[in-house]
Amino acid sequence: MDFIDYKKRIIQHNDPIVTIDQYHFNYNSIFSKLANLEKYTRVSYAINIENRAIRFSFHSNANDEFSYLLSTLKNRKVFRSTSVNLVSDHIWIKAVATLREASERKFKAVQLGHKPMWMIQLIPAFELKYQINEVEKIPNSLEGIYQYKDENDKIIYIGKGNVKTRLKEIGRLSDWDIHLIEVSEIENTDLQFQWENYWINRFMGVNNGKLPVFNRNQGKKSNNS
């Protein structure tokens, strides 16, 4: 499965949407109609860890022990199925399912061919966590996007690249009051840039246009982190 370009993720009012939380996948009325969910009673999941993708296959095979029951809401116009097992088994899914903002847990679904199969791709949501006294536990090869938090759990920096190398740059460990490093592993440098910008823009959107304090001190980020 190819990674969906970020621009194609932008949600419109008439898009088929899957919303994830700790307990359910919720299929909006448009998804339910396009996928003909009234025809089916169960759904099976398949995941692609590399692309952070979840595939949904709808059917009515009650003998499939690895499938989940579809239930209906709002006069059978909206459906849902359990997400508990996936959330508990995969930290990258749990990181998204527990995001505070509901808008960040909504994903545009894409149909796979003409089969009753659909796919969503989740956002990287900093699922790996290291306390500042656990720096040596960070793999030397770990690449991706990361954010630093201070003792008050406030985001003070968002960046990309080799996590340990960046952390050991002059001044960061000594002057930045870093208490927690949160990381999403992403090897592709273009995707690192894309998702770094996504989270910086998201931070600015909920903080009156302000950057994290140490991003601001370095100026607005472009190609370097």
Protein backbone atom coordinates (compact mmCIF):
# COMPACT_ATOMS: atom_id res chain seq x y z
CA MET A 1 0.00 0.00 0.00
CA ASP A 2 1.33 3.42 -0.92
CA PHE A 3 1.38 6.19 1.62
CA ILE A 4 -1.47 8.65 1.08
CA ASP A 5 -0.20 12.14 0.34
CA TYR A 6 -1.05 14.56 3.13
CA LYS A 7 -3.03 16.87 0.82
CA LYS A 8 -5.33 13.97 -0.04
CA ARG A 9 -6.07 13.54 3.66
CA ILE A 10 -7.80 16.90 3.98
CA ILE A 11 -11.36 16.11 4.97
CA GLN A 12 -14.36 17.51 3.12
CA HIS A 13 -17.93 17.44 4.41
CA ASN A 14 -18.96 14.71 1.94
CA ASP A 15 -16.03 12.34 2.53
CA PRO A 16 -16.28 8.78 3.89
CA ILE A 17 -14.76 9.06 7.36
CA VAL A 18 -13.57 6.62 10.00
CA THR A 19 -13.08 8.03 13.49
CA ILE A 20 -11.04 6.03 15.97
CA ASP A 21 -11.12 6.12 19.76
CA GLN A 22 -10.00 3.70 22.46
CA TYR A 23 -13.09 1.56 22.07
CA HIS A 24 -14.51 1.87 18.55
CA PHE A 25 -14.02 2.57 14.90
CA ASN A 26 -16.91 4.84 13.97
CA TYR A 27 -18.03 4.93 10.32
CA ASN A 28 -19.85 8.10 9.34
CA SER A 29 -23.12 8.04 7.39
CA ILE A 30 -21.38 8.70 4.07
CA PHE A 31 -18.93 5.84 4.61
CA SER A 32 -21.78 3.59 5.74
CA LYS A 33 -23.73 4.35 2.60
CA LEU A 34 -20.84 4.05 0.14
CA ALA A 35 -19.63 0.81 1.71
CA ASN A 36 -23.18 -0.62 1.89
CA LEU A 37 -22.65 -1.54 5.53
CA GLU A 38 -26.29 -2.53 5.88
CA LYS A 39 -25.41 -5.61 3.81
CA TYR A 40 -22.80 -6.86 6.28
CA THR A 41 -22.67 -7.93 9.90
CA ARG A 42 -18.94 -8.18 10.55
CA VAL A 43 -15.57 -6.59 9.76
CA SER A 44 -12.00 -7.92 9.76
CA TYR A 45 -8.91 -5.75 10.16
CA ALA A 46 -5.46 -5.94 8.61
CA ILE A 47 -2.63 -3.57 9.44
CA ASN A 48 0.43 -2.30 7.62
CA ILE A 49 2.84 -1.03 10.27
CA GLU A 50 5.27 0.58 7.82
CA ASN A 51 2.57 2.80 6.33
CA ARG A 52 0.51 3.14 9.54
CA ALA A 53 -2.45 1.79 7.60
CA ILE A 54 -5.52 -0.14 8.71
CA ARG A 55 -7.62 -2.10 6.21
CA PHE A 56 -11.26 -2.93 6.81
CA SER A 57 -12.86 -5.94 5.08
CA PHE A 58 -16.64 -6.16 5.49
CA HIS A 59 -18.48 -9.50 5.34
CA SER A 60 -21.09 -11.61 7.11
CA ASN A 61 -19.03 -14.66 8.02
CA ALA A 62 -19.96 -15.31 11.65
CA ASN A 63 -17.50 -18.22 11.75
CA ASP A 64 -14.53 -15.91 11.31
CA GLU A 65 -13.19 -15.82 14.88
CA PHE A 66 -10.91 -12.88 14.08
CA SER A 67 -13.71 -10.61 12.89
CA TYR A 68 -15.75 -8.07 14.82
CA LEU A 69 -19.45 -7.34 14.97
CA LEU A 70 -20.81 -4.28 13.19
CA SER A 71 -23.34 -2.37 15.25
CA THR A 72 -25.60 0.45 14.20
CA LEU A 73 -26.46 3.87 15.54
CA LYS A 74 -28.90 6.57 14.48
CA ASN A 75 -31.46 4.43 12.67
CA ARG A 76 -28.86 2.31 10.85
CA LYS A 77 -27.24 5.29 9.15
CA VAL A 78 -24.05 5.15 11.20
CA PHE A 79 -22.08 2.02 12.07
CA ARG A 80 -19.23 1.14 14.38
CA SER A 81 -17.03 -1.77 15.41
CA THR A 82 -14.70 -2.38 18.30
CA SER A 83 -11.13 -1.04 18.23
CA VAL A 84 -10.04 -2.31 21.64
CA ASN A 85 -7.74 -5.12 20.52
CA LEU A 86 -5.87 -3.06 17.94
CA VAL A 87 -5.47 -0.16 20.34
CA SER A 88 -4.09 -2.39 23.08
CA ASP A 89 -1.78 -4.35 20.76
CA HIS A 90 -0.19 -1.50 18.77
CA ILE A 91 1.27 1.59 20.39
CA TRP A 92 1.14 3.62 17.15
CA ILE A 93 -2.62 3.04 16.99
CA LYS A 94 -3.07 3.78 20.70
CA ALA A 95 -1.17 7.06 20.32
CA VAL A 96 -3.76 8.21 17.78
CA ALA A 97 -6.81 6.76 19.54
CA THR A 98 -5.96 8.70 22.69
CA LEU A 99 -5.35 12.08 21.06
CA ARG A 100 -7.46 14.75 22.74
CA GLU A 101 -8.72 16.45 19.60
CA ALA A 102 -11.43 14.45 17.83
CA SER A 103 -10.45 16.08 14.52
CA GLU A 104 -7.06 14.33 14.71
CA ARG A 105 -8.76 10.96 15.11
CA LYS A 106 -10.80 11.32 11.90
CA PHE A 107 -9.47 9.79 8.69
CA LYS A 108 -10.67 9.80 5.12
CA ALA A 109 -11.27 6.24 3.94
CA VAL A 110 -10.17 4.96 0.55
CA GLN A 111 -11.83 2.02 -1.17
CA LEU A 112 -9.48 -0.71 -2.40
CA GLY A 113 -10.69 -1.70 -5.85
CA HIS A 114 -14.30 -2.84 -6.11
CA LYS A 115 -14.18 -5.16 -3.13
CA PRO A 116 -15.83 -4.36 0.22
CA MET A 117 -12.40 -3.30 1.48
CA TRP A 118 -11.43 0.15 2.68
CA MET A 119 -8.28 1.66 4.14
CA ILE A 120 -7.29 4.54 6.39
CA GLN A 121 -3.80 5.77 7.26
CA LEU A 122 -3.12 7.17 10.68
CA ILE A 123 -0.92 10.11 11.55
CA PRO A 124 2.37 9.57 13.42
CA ALA A 125 1.54 10.69 16.97
CA PHE A 126 4.79 10.37 18.98
CA GLU A 127 4.15 6.89 20.32
CA LEU A 128 7.71 6.18 21.55
CA LYS A 129 8.51 7.90 24.85
CA TYR A 130 11.85 8.35 26.65
CA GLN A 131 12.44 10.12 29.92
CA ILE A 132 15.46 12.40 29.90
CA ASN A 133 17.35 9.96 32.11
CA GLU A 134 16.78 7.25 29.50
CA VAL A 135 18.70 8.91 26.67
CA GLU A 136 21.03 5.95 26.27
CA LYS A 137 18.03 3.70 25.60
CA ILE A 138 17.29 5.62 22.39
CA PRO A 139 18.62 3.54 19.47
CA ASN A 140 21.45 5.25 17.61
CA SER A 141 19.66 4.55 14.33
CA LEU A 142 16.26 5.95 15.36
CA GLU A 143 15.07 8.46 12.74
CA GLY A 144 11.78 10.30 12.60
CA ILE A 145 9.89 13.19 14.10
CA TYR A 146 10.14 14.06 17.76
CA GLN A 147 8.99 16.55 20.35
CA TYR A 148 10.49 17.60 23.65
CA LYS A 149 8.36 18.31 26.73
CA ASP A 150 9.35 20.13 29.90
CA GLU A 151 8.57 19.20 33.51
CA ASN A 152 5.06 20.63 33.10
CA ASP A 153 4.35 18.39 30.09
CA LYS A 154 4.50 21.42 27.78
CA ILE A 155 5.85 20.97 24.26
CA ILE A 156 9.01 23.09 23.92
CA TYR A 157 10.39 21.84 20.60
CA ILE A 158 9.32 19.81 17.55
CA GLY A 159 11.92 18.45 15.15
CA LYS A 160 12.97 15.70 12.78
CA GLY A 161 16.02 13.63 11.92
CA ASN A 162 18.21 11.28 13.95
CA VAL A 163 16.73 11.53 17.43
CA LYS A 164 19.85 10.88 19.51
CA THR A 165 22.16 12.96 17.32
CA ARG A 166 19.81 15.95 17.46
CA LEU A 167 19.34 15.61 21.19
CA LYS A 168 23.08 15.78 21.80
CA GLU A 169 23.55 19.00 19.85
CA ILE A 170 25.15 21.78 21.88
CA GLY A 171 22.84 23.32 24.46
CA ARG A 172 19.88 20.98 24.22
CA LEU A 173 20.62 18.69 27.14
CA SER A 174 22.18 21.43 29.27
CA ASP A 175 19.88 24.39 28.65
CA TRP A 176 16.49 23.28 27.37
CA ASP A 177 14.90 21.73 30.48
CA ILE A 178 13.90 18.61 28.53
CA HIS A 179 12.10 16.01 30.65
CA LEU A 180 10.46 13.82 28.01
CA ILE A 181 11.30 12.93 24.39
CA GLU A 182 8.41 11.61 22.29
CA VAL A 183 9.14 10.05 18.90
CA SER A 184 7.48 8.56 15.84
CA GLU A 185 9.89 6.47 13.79
CA ILE A 186 9.89 7.55 10.13
CA GLU A 187 12.79 6.68 7.86
CA ASN A 188 11.70 8.59 4.77
CA THR A 189 13.10 12.13 4.96
CA ASP A 190 10.32 13.65 2.86
CA LEU A 191 7.72 12.20 5.23
CA GLN A 192 9.73 13.45 8.19
CA PHE A 193 9.54 16.97 6.77
CA GLN A 194 5.84 16.62 6.02
CA TRP A 195 4.89 15.41 9.49
CA GLU A 196 7.19 17.80 11.31
CA ASN A 197 5.39 20.65 9.55
CA TYR A 198 2.02 19.09 10.33
CA TRP A 199 2.68 19.04 14.08
CA ILE A 200 4.31 22.47 14.14
CA ASN A 201 1.31 23.92 12.34
CA ARG A 202 -1.04 22.04 14.67
CA PHE A 203 0.81 23.49 17.69
CA MET A 204 0.55 26.98 16.25
CA GLY A 205 -3.13 26.49 15.55
CA VAL A 206 -3.94 25.90 19.21
CA ASN A 207 -1.41 28.42 20.57
CA ASN A 208 -2.44 31.63 18.81
CA GLY A 209 0.13 31.23 16.05
CA LYS A 210 3.09 30.83 18.41
CA LEU A 211 5.82 28.26 17.83
CA PRO A 212 7.18 26.03 20.60
CA VAL A 213 9.64 28.10 22.60
CA PHE A 214 12.85 26.61 21.20
CA ASN A 215 11.53 26.45 17.63
CA ARG A 216 10.78 30.14 18.01
CA ASN A 217 14.26 30.85 19.30
CA GLN A 218 15.71 29.24 16.19
CA GLY A 219 13.32 30.99 13.83
CA LYS A 220 10.55 29.43 11.79
CA LYS A 221 11.70 26.06 10.53
CA SER A 222 12.06 25.24 6.87
CA ASN A 223 14.54 22.57 5.78
CA ASN A 224 16.58 22.02 8.92
CA SER A 225 15.67 20.81 12.38
